[in-house]
């Protein structure tokens, strides 16, 4: 009899469902962040290489 009361109490509580919703939403936001980082990573690598090559090709004059 005690088991059925415990099962009924577990069935009536909704706190766990809210936690699951937040976990799913947080995972989705993290996944979107990782996807965005992956998309931007190659473009920034190309840009930084181009800037580095440009700066290395410049001469520095030590006289005025």
C-alpha atoms as a PDB file:
ATOM      1  CA  UNK A   1       0.000   0.000   0.000  1.00  0.00           C
ATOM      2  CA  UNK A   2       2.857   2.364   0.806  1.00  0.00           C
ATOM      3  CA  UNK A   3       4.364   1.815  -2.653  1.00  0.00           C
ATOM      4  CA  UNK A   4       1.161   2.982  -4.349  1.00  0.00           C
ATOM      5  CA  UNK A   5       1.108   6.181  -2.273  1.00  0.00           C
ATOM      6  CA  UNK A   6       4.736   6.827  -3.186  1.00  0.00           C
ATOM      7  CA  UNK A   7       4.009   6.165  -6.869  1.00  0.00           C
ATOM      8  CA  UNK A   8       0.992   8.502  -6.770  1.00  0.00           C
ATOM      9  CA  UNK A   9       3.056  11.257  -5.100  1.00  0.00           C
ATOM     10  CA  UNK A  10       5.796  10.840  -7.735  1.00  0.00           C
ATOM     11  CA  UNK A  11       3.211  11.024 -10.510  1.00  0.00           C
ATOM     12  CA  UNK A  12       1.624  14.215  -9.122  1.00  0.00           C
ATOM     13  CA  UNK A  13       4.855  16.190  -8.670  1.00  0.00           C
ATOM     14  CA  UNK A  14       5.917  18.335 -11.631  1.00  0.00           C
ATOM     15  CA  UNK A  15       9.262  19.684 -10.407  1.00  0.00           C
ATOM     16  CA  UNK A  16      11.226  17.048 -12.291  1.00  0.00           C
ATOM     17  CA  UNK A  17       9.528  17.895 -15.576  1.00  0.00           C
ATOM     18  CA  UNK A  18      10.564  21.544 -15.273  1.00  0.00           C
ATOM     19  CA  UNK A  19      14.150  20.479 -14.613  1.00  0.00           C
ATOM     20  CA  UNK A  20      14.153  18.293 -17.713  1.00  0.00           C
ATOM     21  CA  UNK A  21      12.839  21.208 -19.787  1.00  0.00           C
ATOM     22  CA  UNK A  22      15.647  23.467 -18.565  1.00  0.00           C
ATOM     23  CA  UNK A  23      18.272  20.816 -19.235  1.00  0.00           C
ATOM     24  CA  UNK A  24      17.017  20.377 -22.800  1.00  0.00           C
ATOM     25  CA  UNK A  25      16.909  24.139 -23.413  1.00  0.00           C
ATOM     26  CA  UNK A  26      20.410  24.604 -21.987  1.00  0.00           C
ATOM     27  CA  UNK A  27      21.756  21.788 -24.148  1.00  0.00           C
ATOM     28  CA  UNK A  28      20.171  23.389 -27.218  1.00  0.00           C
ATOM     29  CA  UNK A  29      21.767  26.771 -26.452  1.00  0.00           C
ATOM     30  CA  UNK A  30      25.178  25.160 -25.919  1.00  0.00           C
ATOM     31  CA  UNK A  31      24.784  23.206 -29.161  1.00  0.00           C
ATOM     32  CA  UNK A  32      23.946  26.362 -31.095  1.00  0.00           C
ATOM     33  CA  UNK A  33      26.955  28.109 -29.571  1.00  0.00           C
ATOM     34  CA  UNK A  34      29.278  25.300 -30.611  1.00  0.00           C
ATOM     35  CA  UNK A  35      27.791  25.295 -34.115  1.00  0.00           C
ATOM     36  CA  UNK A  36      28.296  29.058 -34.430  1.00  0.00           C
ATOM     37  CA  UNK A  37      31.863  28.772 -33.172  1.00  0.00           C
ATOM     38  CA  UNK A  38      32.603  26.088 -35.745  1.00  0.00           C
ATOM     39  CA  UNK A  39      31.222  28.246 -38.557  1.00  0.00           C
ATOM     40  CA  UNK A  40      33.201  31.331 -37.531  1.00  0.00           C
ATOM     41  CA  UNK A  41      36.456  29.505 -36.723  1.00  0.00           C
ATOM     42  CA  UNK A  42      37.584  28.921 -40.309  1.00  0.00           C
ATOM     43  CA  UNK A  43      36.852  32.498 -41.379  1.00  0.00           C
ATOM     44  CA  UNK A  44      38.752  34.006 -38.479  1.00  0.00           C
ATOM     45  CA  UNK A  45      41.714  31.705 -39.058  1.00  0.00           C
ATOM     46  CA  UNK A  46      41.958  32.847 -42.667  1.00  0.00           C
ATOM     47  CA  UNK A  47      41.656  36.495 -41.647  1.00  0.00           C
ATOM     48  CA  UNK A  48      44.296  36.271 -38.924  1.00  0.00           C
ATOM     49  CA  UNK A  49      46.707  34.538 -41.310  1.00  0.00           C
ATOM     50  CA  UNK A  50      46.175  37.311 -43.853  1.00  0.00           C
ATOM     51  CA  UNK A  51      46.746  40.022 -41.248  1.00  0.00           C
ATOM     52  CA  UNK A  52      49.859  38.258 -39.958  1.00  0.00           C
ATOM     53  CA  UNK A  53      51.331  38.011 -43.456  1.00  0.00           C
ATOM     54  CA  UNK A  54      50.616  41.690 -44.111  1.00  0.00           C
ATOM     55  CA  UNK A  55      52.231  42.792 -40.853  1.00  0.00           C
ATOM     56  CA  UNK A  56      55.280  40.595 -41.393  1.00  0.00           C
ATOM     57  CA  UNK A  57      55.855  42.077 -44.851  1.00  0.00           C
ATOM     58  CA  UNK A  58      55.944  45.648 -43.524  1.00  0.00           C
ATOM     59  CA  UNK A  59      59.266  47.291 -42.857  1.00  0.00           C
ATOM     60  CA  UNK A  60      59.995  49.285 -39.719  1.00  0.00           C
ATOM     61  CA  UNK A  61      62.085  52.407 -40.015  1.00  0.00           C
ATOM     62  CA  UNK A  62      64.128  53.249 -36.928  1.00  0.00           C
ATOM     63  CA  UNK A  63      65.060  56.770 -38.147  1.00  0.00           C
ATOM     64  CA  UNK A  64      62.937  59.870 -38.434  1.00  0.00           C
END
